PDB file of N, CA and C in Angstrom:
ATOM      1  N   MET A   1     -63.920  -7.925  -1.420  1.00  0.00           N
ATOM      2  CA  MET A   1     -63.385  -9.218  -1.813  1.00  0.00           C
ATOM      3  C   MET A   1     -62.517  -9.762  -0.695  1.00  0.00           C
ATOM      4  N   ILE A   2     -62.624 -11.035  -0.439  1.00  0.00           N
ATOM      5  CA  ILE A   2     -61.861 -11.692   0.609  1.00  0.00           C
ATOM      6  C   ILE A   2     -60.858 -12.643  -0.030  1.00  0.00           C
ATOM      7  N   CYS A   3     -59.623 -12.593   0.427  1.00  0.00           N
ATOM      8  CA  CYS A   3     -58.609 -13.524  -0.073  1.00  0.00           C
ATOM      9  C   CYS A   3     -58.890 -14.893   0.518  1.00  0.00           C
ATOM     10  N   GLU A   4     -58.841 -15.910  -0.302  1.00  0.00           N
ATOM     11  CA  GLU A   4     -59.102 -17.266   0.144  1.00  0.00           C
ATOM     12  C   GLU A   4     -57.832 -17.882   0.709  1.00  0.00           C
ATOM     13  N   THR A   5     -57.995 -18.961   1.429  1.00  0.00           N
ATOM     14  CA  THR A   5     -56.855 -19.674   1.992  1.00  0.00           C
ATOM     15  C   THR A   5     -56.157 -20.487   0.913  1.00  0.00           C
ATOM     16  N   LEU A   6     -55.138 -21.197   1.299  1.00  0.00           N
ATOM     17  CA  LEU A   6     -54.317 -21.986   0.395  1.00  0.00           C
ATOM     18  C   LEU A   6     -55.153 -22.970  -0.412  1.00  0.00           C
ATOM     19  N   ILE A   7     -54.918 -23.036  -1.715  1.00  0.00           N
ATOM     20  CA  ILE A   7     -55.566 -24.025  -2.567  1.00  0.00           C
ATOM     21  C   ILE A   7     -54.496 -24.712  -3.397  1.00  0.00           C
ATOM     22  N   SER A   8     -54.819 -25.882  -3.878  1.00  0.00           N
ATOM     23  CA  SER A   8     -53.943 -26.597  -4.803  1.00  0.00           C
ATOM     24  C   SER A   8     -54.706 -26.766  -6.100  1.00  0.00           C
ATOM     25  N   ALA A   9     -54.114 -26.354  -7.199  1.00  0.00           N
ATOM     26  CA  ALA A   9     -54.803 -26.435  -8.486  1.00  0.00           C
ATOM     27  C   ALA A   9     -53.787 -26.418  -9.604  1.00  0.00           C
ATOM     28  N   SER A  10     -54.207 -26.913 -10.771  1.00  0.00           N
ATOM     29  CA  SER A  10     -53.335 -26.836 -11.937  1.00  0.00           C
ATOM     30  C   SER A  10     -53.641 -25.595 -12.763  1.00  0.00           C
ATOM     31  N   ASN A  11     -54.872 -25.090 -12.680  1.00  0.00           N
ATOM     32  CA  ASN A  11     -55.273 -23.862 -13.360  1.00  0.00           C
ATOM     33  C   ASN A  11     -56.002 -22.980 -12.371  1.00  0.00           C
ATOM     34  N   VAL A  12     -55.672 -21.706 -12.358  1.00  0.00           N
ATOM     35  CA  VAL A  12     -56.305 -20.771 -11.440  1.00  0.00           C
ATOM     36  C   VAL A  12     -56.811 -19.580 -12.232  1.00  0.00           C
ATOM     37  N   THR A  13     -58.088 -19.258 -12.069  1.00  0.00           N
ATOM     38  CA  THR A  13     -58.677 -18.074 -12.661  1.00  0.00           C
ATOM     39  C   THR A  13     -59.205 -17.213 -11.519  1.00  0.00           C
ATOM     40  N   ILE A  14     -58.806 -15.966 -11.488  1.00  0.00           N
ATOM     41  CA  ILE A  14     -59.231 -15.065 -10.421  1.00  0.00           C
ATOM     42  C   ILE A  14     -60.146 -14.011 -11.024  1.00  0.00           C
ATOM     43  N   TYR A  15     -61.357 -13.917 -10.487  1.00  0.00           N
ATOM     44  CA  TYR A  15     -62.307 -12.928 -10.973  1.00  0.00           C
ATOM     45  C   TYR A  15     -63.237 -12.526  -9.841  1.00  0.00           C
ATOM     46  N   GLU A  16     -63.959 -11.429 -10.030  1.00  0.00           N
ATOM     47  CA  GLU A  16     -64.953 -10.960  -9.081  1.00  0.00           C
ATOM     48  C   GLU A  16     -66.168 -10.541  -9.879  1.00  0.00           C
ATOM     49  N   ASP A  17     -67.310 -11.129  -9.603  1.00  0.00           N
ATOM     50  CA  ASP A  17     -68.540 -10.810 -10.330  1.00  0.00           C
ATOM     51  C   ASP A  17     -68.907  -9.336 -10.182  1.00  0.00           C
ATOM     52  N   GLY A  18     -69.243  -8.696 -11.312  1.00  0.00           N
ATOM     53  CA  GLY A  18     -69.735  -7.321 -11.287  1.00  0.00           C
ATOM     54  C   GLY A  18     -68.687  -6.268 -10.996  1.00  0.00           C
ATOM     55  N   VAL A  19     -67.423  -6.597 -11.118  1.00  0.00           N
ATOM     56  CA  VAL A  19     -66.356  -5.630 -10.832  1.00  0.00           C
ATOM     57  C   VAL A  19     -65.525  -5.443 -12.095  1.00  0.00           C
ATOM     58  N   ASP A  20     -65.377  -4.182 -12.514  1.00  0.00           N
ATOM     59  CA  ASP A  20     -64.579  -3.894 -13.702  1.00  0.00           C
ATOM     60  C   ASP A  20     -63.086  -3.809 -13.380  1.00  0.00           C
ATOM     61  N   ASP A  21     -62.741  -3.170 -12.262  1.00  0.00           N
ATOM     62  CA  ASP A  21     -61.351  -3.048 -11.845  1.00  0.00           C
ATOM     63  C   ASP A  21     -61.124  -4.007 -10.686  1.00  0.00           C
ATOM     64  N   LEU A  22     -60.217  -4.920 -10.869  1.00  0.00           N
ATOM     65  CA  LEU A  22     -59.981  -5.959  -9.879  1.00  0.00           C
ATOM     66  C   LEU A  22     -58.695  -5.682  -9.124  1.00  0.00           C
ATOM     67  N   SER A  23     -58.776  -5.635  -7.802  1.00  0.00           N
ATOM     68  CA  SER A  23     -57.591  -5.522  -6.951  1.00  0.00           C
ATOM     69  C   SER A  23     -57.329  -6.896  -6.357  1.00  0.00           C
ATOM     70  N   LEU A  24     -56.165  -7.435  -6.605  1.00  0.00           N
ATOM     71  CA  LEU A  24     -55.838  -8.777  -6.131  1.00  0.00           C
ATOM     72  C   LEU A  24     -55.083  -8.738  -4.825  1.00  0.00           C
ATOM     73  N   CYS A  25     -55.313  -9.758  -4.047  1.00  0.00           N
ATOM     74  CA  CYS A  25     -54.463 -10.005  -2.892  1.00  0.00           C
ATOM     75  C   CYS A  25     -53.147 -10.534  -3.456  1.00  0.00           C
ATOM     76  N   GLU A  26     -52.113 -10.538  -2.650  1.00  0.00           N
ATOM     77  CA  GLU A  26     -50.858 -11.114  -3.121  1.00  0.00           C
ATOM     78  C   GLU A  26     -51.051 -12.603  -3.307  1.00  0.00           C
ATOM     79  N   VAL A  27     -50.623 -13.125  -4.432  1.00  0.00           N
ATOM     80  CA  VAL A  27     -50.788 -14.534  -4.751  1.00  0.00           C
ATOM     81  C   VAL A  27     -49.420 -15.175  -4.861  1.00  0.00           C
ATOM     82  N   MET A  28     -49.182 -16.240  -4.084  1.00  0.00           N
ATOM     83  CA  MET A  28     -47.927 -16.971  -4.178  1.00  0.00           C
ATOM     84  C   MET A  28     -48.229 -18.304  -4.839  1.00  0.00           C
ATOM     85  N   ILE A  29     -47.540 -18.605  -5.912  1.00  0.00           N
ATOM     86  CA  ILE A  29     -47.721 -19.861  -6.623  1.00  0.00           C
ATOM     87  C   ILE A  29     -46.453 -20.674  -6.450  1.00  0.00           C
ATOM     88  N   THR A  30     -46.614 -21.877  -5.946  1.00  0.00           N
ATOM     89  CA  THR A  30     -45.481 -22.769  -5.727  1.00  0.00           C
ATOM     90  C   THR A  30     -45.606 -23.946  -6.682  1.00  0.00           C
ATOM     91  N   ALA A  31     -44.619 -24.116  -7.534  1.00  0.00           N
ATOM     92  CA  ALA A  31     -44.630 -25.231  -8.486  1.00  0.00           C
ATOM     93  C   ALA A  31     -44.300 -26.522  -7.753  1.00  0.00           C
ATOM     94  N   ILE A  32     -44.909 -27.607  -8.195  1.00  0.00           N
ATOM     95  CA  ILE A  32     -44.626 -28.916  -7.617  1.00  0.00           C
ATOM     96  C   ILE A  32     -44.151 -29.844  -8.718  1.00  0.00           C
ATOM     97  N   GLU A  33     -43.378 -30.848  -8.330  1.00  0.00           N
ATOM     98  CA  GLU A  33     -42.829 -31.774  -9.317  1.00  0.00           C
ATOM     99  C   GLU A  33     -43.829 -32.831  -9.752  1.00  0.00           C
ATOM    100  N   SER A  34     -44.689 -33.266  -8.837  1.00  0.00           N
ATOM    101  CA  SER A  34     -45.659 -34.304  -9.179  1.00  0.00           C
ATOM    102  C   SER A  34     -46.889 -34.152  -8.312  1.00  0.00           C
ATOM    103  N   GLU A  35     -47.939 -34.863  -8.672  1.00  0.00           N
ATOM    104  CA  GLU A  35     -49.170 -34.803  -7.903  1.00  0.00           C
ATOM    105  C   GLU A  35     -48.973 -35.361  -6.495  1.00  0.00           C
ATOM    106  N   ASP A  36     -48.008 -36.244  -6.308  1.00  0.00           N
ATOM    107  CA  ASP A  36     -47.717 -36.783  -4.980  1.00  0.00           C
ATOM    108  C   ASP A  36     -47.286 -35.690  -4.009  1.00  0.00           C
ATOM    109  N   SER A  37     -46.724 -34.593  -4.537  1.00  0.00           N
ATOM    110  CA  SER A  37     -46.264 -33.496  -3.697  1.00  0.00           C
ATOM    111  C   SER A  37     -47.410 -32.739  -3.046  1.00  0.00           C
ATOM    112  N   LEU A  38     -48.632 -32.955  -3.520  1.00  0.00           N
ATOM    113  CA  LEU A  38     -49.781 -32.257  -2.954  1.00  0.00           C
ATOM    114  C   LEU A  38     -50.138 -32.775  -1.571  1.00  0.00           C
ATOM    115  N   HIS A  39     -49.720 -33.966  -1.238  1.00  0.00           N
ATOM    116  CA  HIS A  39     -50.059 -34.563   0.040  1.00  0.00           C
ATOM    117  C   HIS A  39     -48.927 -34.332   1.021  1.00  0.00           C
ATOM    118  N   GLY A  40     -49.240 -33.755   2.155  1.00  0.00           N
ATOM    119  CA  GLY A  40     -48.221 -33.497   3.157  1.00  0.00           C
ATOM    120  C   GLY A  40     -48.534 -32.233   3.920  1.00  0.00           C
ATOM    121  N   VAL A  41     -47.532 -31.703   4.563  1.00  0.00           N
ATOM    122  CA  VAL A  41     -47.658 -30.513   5.398  1.00  0.00           C
ATOM    123  C   VAL A  41     -46.848 -29.388   4.747  1.00  0.00           C
ATOM    124  N   LEU A  42     -47.492 -28.272   4.514  1.00  0.00           N
ATOM    125  CA  LEU A  42     -46.809 -27.114   3.939  1.00  0.00           C
ATOM    126  C   LEU A  42     -45.980 -26.449   5.025  1.00  0.00           C
ATOM    127  N   GLN A  43     -44.678 -26.373   4.827  1.00  0.00           N
ATOM    128  CA  GLN A  43     -43.779 -25.713   5.774  1.00  0.00           C
ATOM    129  C   GLN A  43     -43.254 -24.447   5.112  1.00  0.00           C
ATOM    130  N   GLU A  44     -43.491 -23.306   5.756  1.00  0.00           N
ATOM    131  CA  GLU A  44     -42.979 -22.021   5.277  1.00  0.00           C
ATOM    132  C   GLU A  44     -41.989 -21.507   6.312  1.00  0.00           C
ATOM    133  N   LEU A  45     -40.821 -21.065   5.843  1.00  0.00           N
ATOM    134  CA  LEU A  45     -39.752 -20.596   6.739  1.00  0.00           C
ATOM    135  C   LEU A  45     -39.396 -19.146   6.438  1.00  0.00           C
ATOM    136  N   TRP A  46     -39.244 -18.373   7.499  1.00  0.00           N
ATOM    137  CA  TRP A  46     -38.766 -16.999   7.403  1.00  0.00           C
ATOM    138  C   TRP A  46     -37.488 -16.921   8.225  1.00  0.00           C
ATOM    139  N   TYR A  47     -36.390 -16.536   7.594  1.00  0.00           N
ATOM    140  CA  TYR A  47     -35.106 -16.421   8.279  1.00  0.00           C
ATOM    141  C   TYR A  47     -34.907 -14.997   8.803  1.00  0.00           C
ATOM    142  N   ASN A  48     -33.961 -14.862   9.717  1.00  0.00           N
ATOM    143  CA  ASN A  48     -33.578 -13.572  10.308  1.00  0.00           C
ATOM    144  C   ASN A  48     -34.709 -12.921  11.089  1.00  0.00           C
ATOM    145  N   ILE A  49     -35.426 -13.721  11.863  1.00  0.00           N
ATOM    146  CA  ILE A  49     -36.413 -13.199  12.808  1.00  0.00           C
ATOM    147  C   ILE A  49     -35.658 -12.975  14.115  1.00  0.00           C
ATOM    148  N   PRO A  50     -35.598 -11.747  14.617  1.00  0.00           N
ATOM    149  CA  PRO A  50     -34.823 -11.491  15.837  1.00  0.00           C
ATOM    150  C   PRO A  50     -35.309 -12.338  17.014  1.00  0.00           C
ATOM    151  N   PHE A  51     -34.374 -12.745  17.856  1.00  0.00           N
ATOM    152  CA  PHE A  51     -34.700 -13.559  19.024  1.00  0.00           C
ATOM    153  C   PHE A  51     -35.754 -12.843  19.866  1.00  0.00           C
ATOM    154  N   GLY A  52     -36.800 -13.551  20.210  1.00  0.00           N
ATOM    155  CA  GLY A  52     -37.864 -12.982  21.034  1.00  0.00           C
ATOM    156  C   GLY A  52     -38.913 -12.209  20.259  1.00  0.00           C
ATOM    157  N   ALA A  53     -38.676 -11.968  18.966  1.00  0.00           N
ATOM    158  CA  ALA A  53     -39.639 -11.218  18.157  1.00  0.00           C
ATOM    159  C   ALA A  53     -40.722 -12.160  17.636  1.00  0.00           C
ATOM    160  N   SER A  54     -41.861 -11.598  17.326  1.00  0.00           N
ATOM    161  CA  SER A  54     -42.968 -12.380  16.791  1.00  0.00           C
ATOM    162  C   SER A  54     -42.857 -12.500  15.278  1.00  0.00           C
ATOM    163  N   LEU A  55     -43.051 -13.696  14.773  1.00  0.00           N
ATOM    164  CA  LEU A  55     -43.082 -13.893  13.322  1.00  0.00           C
ATOM    165  C   LEU A  55     -44.193 -13.056  12.708  1.00  0.00           C
ATOM    166  N   ARG A  56     -45.340 -12.993  13.387  1.00  0.00           N
ATOM    167  CA  ARG A  56     -46.473 -12.222  12.872  1.00  0.00           C
ATOM    168  C   ARG A  56     -46.152 -10.735  12.716  1.00  0.00           C
ATOM    169  N   ALA A  57     -45.202 -10.220  13.485  1.00  0.00           N
ATOM    170  CA  ALA A  57     -44.838  -8.804  13.415  1.00  0.00           C
ATOM    171  C   ALA A  57     -43.866  -8.514  12.273  1.00  0.00           C
ATOM    172  N   ASP A  58     -43.286  -9.536  11.679  1.00  0.00           N
ATOM    173  CA  ASP A  58     -42.331  -9.352  10.588  1.00  0.00           C
ATOM    174  C   ASP A  58     -43.071  -8.911   9.322  1.00  0.00           C
ATOM    175  N   SER A  59     -42.536  -7.921   8.619  1.00  0.00           N
ATOM    176  CA  SER A  59     -43.202  -7.369   7.427  1.00  0.00           C
ATOM    177  C   SER A  59     -43.340  -8.389   6.300  1.00  0.00           C
ATOM    178  N   ARG A  60     -42.531  -9.432   6.306  1.00  0.00           N
ATOM    179  CA  ARG A  60     -42.598 -10.450   5.250  1.00  0.00           C
ATOM    180  C   ARG A  60     -43.686 -11.488   5.492  1.00  0.00           C
ATOM    181  N   PHE A  61     -44.201 -11.531   6.718  1.00  0.00           N
ATOM    182  CA  PHE A  61     -45.222 -12.520   7.069  1.00  0.00           C
ATOM    183  C   PHE A  61     -46.599 -11.986   6.729  1.00  0.00           C
ATOM    184  N   PRO A  62     -47.480 -12.755   6.127  1.00  0.00           N
ATOM    185  CA  PRO A  62     -47.362 -14.161   5.786  1.00  0.00           C
ATOM    186  C   PRO A  62     -47.009 -14.410   4.328  1.00  0.00           C
ATOM    187  N   SER A  63     -46.849 -13.356   3.543  1.00  0.00           N
ATOM    188  CA  SER A  63     -46.802 -13.524   2.080  1.00  0.00           C
ATOM    189  C   SER A  63     -45.438 -13.827   1.475  1.00  0.00           C
ATOM    190  N   SER A  64     -44.345 -13.650   2.205  1.00  0.00           N
ATOM    191  CA  SER A  64     -43.029 -13.801   1.575  1.00  0.00           C
ATOM    192  C   SER A  64     -42.074 -14.669   2.385  1.00  0.00           C
ATOM    193  N   PRO A  65     -42.344 -15.965   2.486  1.00  0.00           N
ATOM    194  CA  PRO A  65     -41.386 -16.827   3.191  1.00  0.00           C
ATOM    195  C   PRO A  65     -40.096 -16.963   2.381  1.00  0.00           C
ATOM    196  N   ASN A  66     -38.994 -17.227   3.059  1.00  0.00           N
ATOM    197  CA  ASN A  66     -37.728 -17.451   2.370  1.00  0.00           C
ATOM    198  C   ASN A  66     -37.706 -18.801   1.667  1.00  0.00           C
ATOM    199  N   VAL A  67     -38.333 -19.798   2.284  1.00  0.00           N
ATOM    200  CA  VAL A  67     -38.310 -21.156   1.753  1.00  0.00           C
ATOM    201  C   VAL A  67     -39.676 -21.796   1.996  1.00  0.00           C
ATOM    202  N   VAL A  68     -40.111 -22.624   1.043  1.00  0.00           N
ATOM    203  CA  VAL A  68     -41.351 -23.385   1.182  1.00  0.00           C
ATOM    204  C   VAL A  68     -41.065 -24.841   0.859  1.00  0.00           C
ATOM    205  N   TYR A  69     -41.488 -25.743   1.737  1.00  0.00           N
ATOM    206  CA  TYR A  69     -41.316 -27.176   1.537  1.00  0.00           C
ATOM    207  C   TYR A  69     -42.655 -27.882   1.730  1.00  0.00           C
ATOM    208  N   ILE A  70     -42.766 -29.092   1.217  1.00  0.00           N
ATOM    209  CA  ILE A  70     -43.864 -29.988   1.533  1.00  0.00           C
ATOM    210  C   ILE A  70     -43.271 -31.132   2.351  1.00  0.00           C
ATOM    211  N   LEU A  71     -43.662 -31.234   3.624  1.00  0.00           N
ATOM    212  CA  LEU A  71     -43.174 -32.287   4.503  1.00  0.00           C
ATOM    213  C   LEU A  71     -44.090 -33.502   4.401  1.00  0.00           C
ATOM    214  N   ARG A  72     -43.535 -34.678   4.491  1.00  0.00           N
ATOM    215  CA  ARG A  72     -44.327 -35.909   4.424  1.00  0.00           C
ATOM    216  C   ARG A  72     -45.014 -36.211   5.753  1.00  0.00           C
ATOM    217  N   GLN A  73     -44.465 -35.708   6.859  1.00  0.00           N
ATOM    218  CA  GLN A  73     -45.025 -35.946   8.186  1.00  0.00           C
ATOM    219  C   GLN A  73     -45.182 -34.616   8.900  1.00  0.00           C
ATOM    220  N   PHE A  74     -45.923 -34.627   9.981  1.00  0.00           N
ATOM    221  CA  PHE A  74     -46.139 -33.399  10.726  1.00  0.00           C
ATOM    222  C   PHE A  74     -45.036 -33.174  11.761  1.00  0.00           C
ATOM    223  N   ASP A  75     -43.860 -33.689  11.510  1.00  0.00           N
ATOM    224  CA  ASP A  75     -42.692 -33.465  12.361  1.00  0.00           C
ATOM    225  C   ASP A  75     -41.731 -32.576  11.601  1.00  0.00           C
ATOM    226  N   ALA A  76     -41.701 -31.309  11.972  1.00  0.00           N
ATOM    227  CA  ALA A  76     -40.793 -30.376  11.311  1.00  0.00           C
ATOM    228  C   ALA A  76     -39.395 -30.524  11.899  1.00  0.00           C
ATOM    229  N   PRO A  77     -38.360 -30.371  11.084  1.00  0.00           N
ATOM    230  CA  PRO A  77     -36.993 -30.403  11.618  1.00  0.00           C
ATOM    231  C   PRO A  77     -36.820 -29.313  12.680  1.00  0.00           C
ATOM    232  N   PHE A  78     -35.959 -29.543  13.641  1.00  0.00           N
ATOM    233  CA  PHE A  78     -35.726 -28.547  14.677  1.00  0.00           C
ATOM    234  C   PHE A  78     -34.235 -28.364  14.901  1.00  0.00           C
ATOM    235  N   ASN A  79     -33.873 -27.217  15.460  1.00  0.00           N
ATOM    236  CA  ASN A  79     -32.475 -26.845  15.728  1.00  0.00           C
ATOM    237  C   ASN A  79     -31.607 -26.910  14.476  1.00  0.00           C
ATOM    238  N   PHE A  80     -32.168 -26.606  13.326  1.00  0.00           N
ATOM    239  CA  PHE A  80     -31.389 -26.607  12.091  1.00  0.00           C
ATOM    240  C   PHE A  80     -30.964 -25.201  11.696  1.00  0.00           C
ATOM    241  N   HIS A  81     -31.459 -24.208  12.407  1.00  0.00           N
ATOM    242  CA  HIS A  81     -31.174 -22.816  12.067  1.00  0.00           C
ATOM    243  C   HIS A  81     -31.399 -21.978  13.313  1.00  0.00           C
ATOM    244  N   THR A  82     -30.864 -20.772  13.335  1.00  0.00           N
ATOM    245  CA  THR A  82     -31.142 -19.859  14.440  1.00  0.00           C
ATOM    246  C   THR A  82     -31.920 -18.667  13.910  1.00  0.00           C
ATOM    247  N   ASN A  83     -32.686 -18.055  14.782  1.00  0.00           N
ATOM    248  CA  ASN A  83     -33.455 -16.857  14.446  1.00  0.00           C
ATOM    249  C   ASN A  83     -34.321 -17.034  13.206  1.00  0.00           C
ATOM    250  N   TYR A  84     -35.236 -17.960  13.294  1.00  0.00           N
ATOM    251  CA  TYR A  84     -36.155 -18.199  12.186  1.00  0.00           C
ATOM    252  C   TYR A  84     -37.561 -18.385  12.738  1.00  0.00           C
ATOM    253  N   GLY A  85     -38.527 -18.261  11.869  1.00  0.00           N
ATOM    254  CA  GLY A  85     -39.910 -18.556  12.203  1.00  0.00           C
ATOM    255  C   GLY A  85     -40.454 -19.491  11.152  1.00  0.00           C
ATOM    256  N   GLN A  86     -41.418 -20.296  11.523  1.00  0.00           N
ATOM    257  CA  GLN A  86     -42.002 -21.192  10.547  1.00  0.00           C
ATOM    258  C   GLN A  86     -43.496 -21.319  10.774  1.00  0.00           C
ATOM    259  N   ARG A  87     -44.198 -21.641   9.698  1.00  0.00           N
ATOM    260  CA  ARG A  87     -45.624 -21.912   9.768  1.00  0.00           C
ATOM    261  C   ARG A  87     -45.871 -23.241   9.075  1.00  0.00           C
ATOM    262  N   LEU A  88     -46.606 -24.117   9.738  1.00  0.00           N
ATOM    263  CA  LEU A  88     -46.985 -25.406   9.175  1.00  0.00           C
ATOM    264  C   LEU A  88     -48.480 -25.374   8.906  1.00  0.00           C
ATOM    265  N   THR A  89     -48.868 -25.783   7.697  1.00  0.00           N
ATOM    266  CA  THR A  89     -50.274 -25.772   7.301  1.00  0.00           C
ATOM    267  C   THR A  89     -50.634 -27.128   6.723  1.00  0.00           C
ATOM    268  N   ALA A  90     -51.750 -27.673   7.178  1.00  0.00           N
ATOM    269  CA  ALA A  90     -52.225 -28.954   6.657  1.00  0.00           C
ATOM    270  C   ALA A  90     -53.729 -29.039   6.863  1.00  0.00           C
ATOM    271  N   TYR A  91     -54.340 -29.915   6.129  1.00  0.00           N
ATOM    272  CA  TYR A  91     -55.751 -30.213   6.313  1.00  0.00           C
ATOM    273  C   TYR A  91     -55.858 -31.528   7.053  1.00  0.00           C
ATOM    274  N   LEU A  92     -56.778 -31.587   7.992  1.00  0.00           N
ATOM    275  CA  LEU A  92     -56.977 -32.788   8.788  1.00  0.00           C
ATOM    276  C   LEU A  92     -58.319 -33.390   8.421  1.00  0.00           C
ATOM    277  N   GLN A  93     -58.310 -34.655   8.050  1.00  0.00           N
ATOM    278  CA  GLN A  93     -59.533 -35.372   7.753  1.00  0.00           C
ATOM    279  C   GLN A  93     -59.658 -36.499   8.762  1.00  0.00           C
ATOM    280  N   VAL A  94     -60.656 -36.395   9.627  1.00  0.00           N
ATOM    281  CA  VAL A  94     -60.824 -37.396  10.683  1.00  0.00           C
ATOM    282  C   VAL A  94     -61.875 -38.411  10.268  1.00  0.00           C
ATOM    283  N   SER A  95     -61.764 -39.616  10.808  1.00  0.00           N
ATOM    284  CA  SER A  95     -62.682 -40.687  10.427  1.00  0.00           C
ATOM    285  C   SER A  95     -64.005 -40.613  11.170  1.00  0.00           C
ATOM    286  N   GLU A  96     -64.027 -39.937  12.318  1.00  0.00           N
ATOM    287  CA  GLU A  96     -65.277 -39.808  13.057  1.00  0.00           C
ATOM    288  C   GLU A  96     -65.293 -38.512  13.857  1.00  0.00           C
ATOM    289  N   SER A  97     -66.499 -38.012  14.100  1.00  0.00           N
ATOM    290  CA  SER A  97     -66.667 -36.786  14.886  1.00  0.00           C
ATOM    291  C   SER A  97     -66.299 -37.051  16.336  1.00  0.00           C
ATOM    292  N   GLY A  98     -65.828 -36.015  17.006  1.00  0.00           N
ATOM    293  CA  GLY A  98     -65.482 -36.167  18.412  1.00  0.00           C
ATOM    294  C   GLY A  98     -64.542 -35.078  18.856  1.00  0.00           C
ATOM    295  N   ASN A  99     -64.072 -35.188  20.072  1.00  0.00           N
ATOM    296  CA  ASN A  99     -63.111 -34.242  20.618  1.00  0.00           C
ATOM    297  C   ASN A  99     -61.704 -34.743  20.341  1.00  0.00           C
ATOM    298  N   TYR A 100     -60.863 -33.854  19.881  1.00  0.00           N
ATOM    299  CA  TYR A 100     -59.474 -34.190  19.587  1.00  0.00           C
ATOM    300  C   TYR A 100     -58.571 -33.233  20.348  1.00  0.00           C
ATOM    301  N   THR A 101     -57.418 -33.705  20.767  1.00  0.00           N
ATOM    302  CA  THR A 101     -56.441 -32.884  21.475  1.00  0.00           C
ATOM    303  C   THR A 101     -55.198 -32.754  20.616  1.00  0.00           C
ATOM    304  N   PHE A 102     -54.726 -31.524  20.457  1.00  0.00           N
ATOM    305  CA  PHE A 102     -53.536 -31.251  19.659  1.00  0.00           C
ATOM    306  C   PHE A 102     -52.476 -30.640  20.555  1.00  0.00           C
ATOM    307  N   PHE A 103     -51.217 -30.947  20.260  1.00  0.00           N
ATOM    308  CA  PHE A 103     -50.092 -30.430  21.021  1.00  0.00           C
ATOM    309  C   PHE A 103     -49.104 -29.774  20.073  1.00  0.00           C
ATOM    310  N   VAL A 104     -48.365 -28.828  20.590  1.00  0.00           N
ATOM    311  CA  VAL A 104     -47.302 -28.186  19.830  1.00  0.00           C
ATOM    312  C   VAL A 104     -46.106 -28.026  20.771  1.00  0.00           C
ATOM    313  N   ALA A 105     -44.908 -28.149  20.225  1.00  0.00           N
ATOM    314  CA  ALA A 105     -43.696 -27.996  21.027  1.00  0.00           C
ATOM    315  C   ALA A 105     -42.719 -27.102  20.289  1.00  0.00           C
ATOM    316  N   CYS A 106     -42.009 -26.279  21.043  1.00  0.00           N
ATOM    317  CA  CYS A 106     -40.981 -25.412  20.449  1.00  0.00           C
ATOM    318  C   CYS A 106     -40.018 -24.981  21.547  1.00  0.00           C
ATOM    319  N   ASP A 107     -38.938 -24.323  21.167  1.00  0.00           N
ATOM    320  CA  ASP A 107     -37.970 -23.926  22.187  1.00  0.00           C
ATOM    321  C   ASP A 107     -38.064 -22.453  22.564  1.00  0.00           C
ATOM    322  N   ASP A 108     -38.863 -21.678  21.874  1.00  0.00           N
ATOM    323  CA  ASP A 108     -39.040 -20.273  22.244  1.00  0.00           C
ATOM    324  C   ASP A 108     -40.531 -19.942  22.335  1.00  0.00           C
ATOM    325  N   THR A 109     -41.127 -19.568  21.231  1.00  0.00           N
ATOM    326  CA  THR A 109     -42.537 -19.186  21.216  1.00  0.00           C
ATOM    327  C   THR A 109     -43.252 -19.920  20.098  1.00  0.00           C
ATOM    328  N   CYS A 110     -44.454 -20.418  20.380  1.00  0.00           N
ATOM    329  CA  CYS A 110     -45.228 -21.078  19.342  1.00  0.00           C
ATOM    330  C   CYS A 110     -46.715 -20.905  19.589  1.00  0.00           C
ATOM    331  N   GLU A 111     -47.505 -21.107  18.545  1.00  0.00           N
ATOM    332  CA  GLU A 111     -48.956 -21.028  18.611  1.00  0.00           C
ATOM    333  C   GLU A 111     -49.541 -22.264  17.955  1.00  0.00           C
ATOM    334  N   LEU A 112     -50.718 -22.623  18.412  1.00  0.00           N
ATOM    335  CA  LEU A 112     -51.443 -23.725  17.776  1.00  0.00           C
ATOM    336  C   LEU A 112     -52.758 -23.173  17.283  1.00  0.00           C
TER     337      LEU A 112
END
């Protein structure tokens, strides 16, 4: 069984065809106040990441962020905390096929 990526739903049923004993991946459910909250960029924050350390190496990543927000724009706040890691997740829907260029900026280490 493969764990699926982030989904948004009001009802979730987890099953596996032909399996009597089901082992689940860790599931994080985030409540939202309204359907408008579904649109935006998912920001997950992990605090107390040592300077120079990789967020991916932290035992809490990716399943246990300290804080989760829905941002209205793809501009995450910066310099608001020290020793933290964050992950931004969004779906991109483009109007036409073609080559696109993406940029990322940070003050220590980042990935795109």
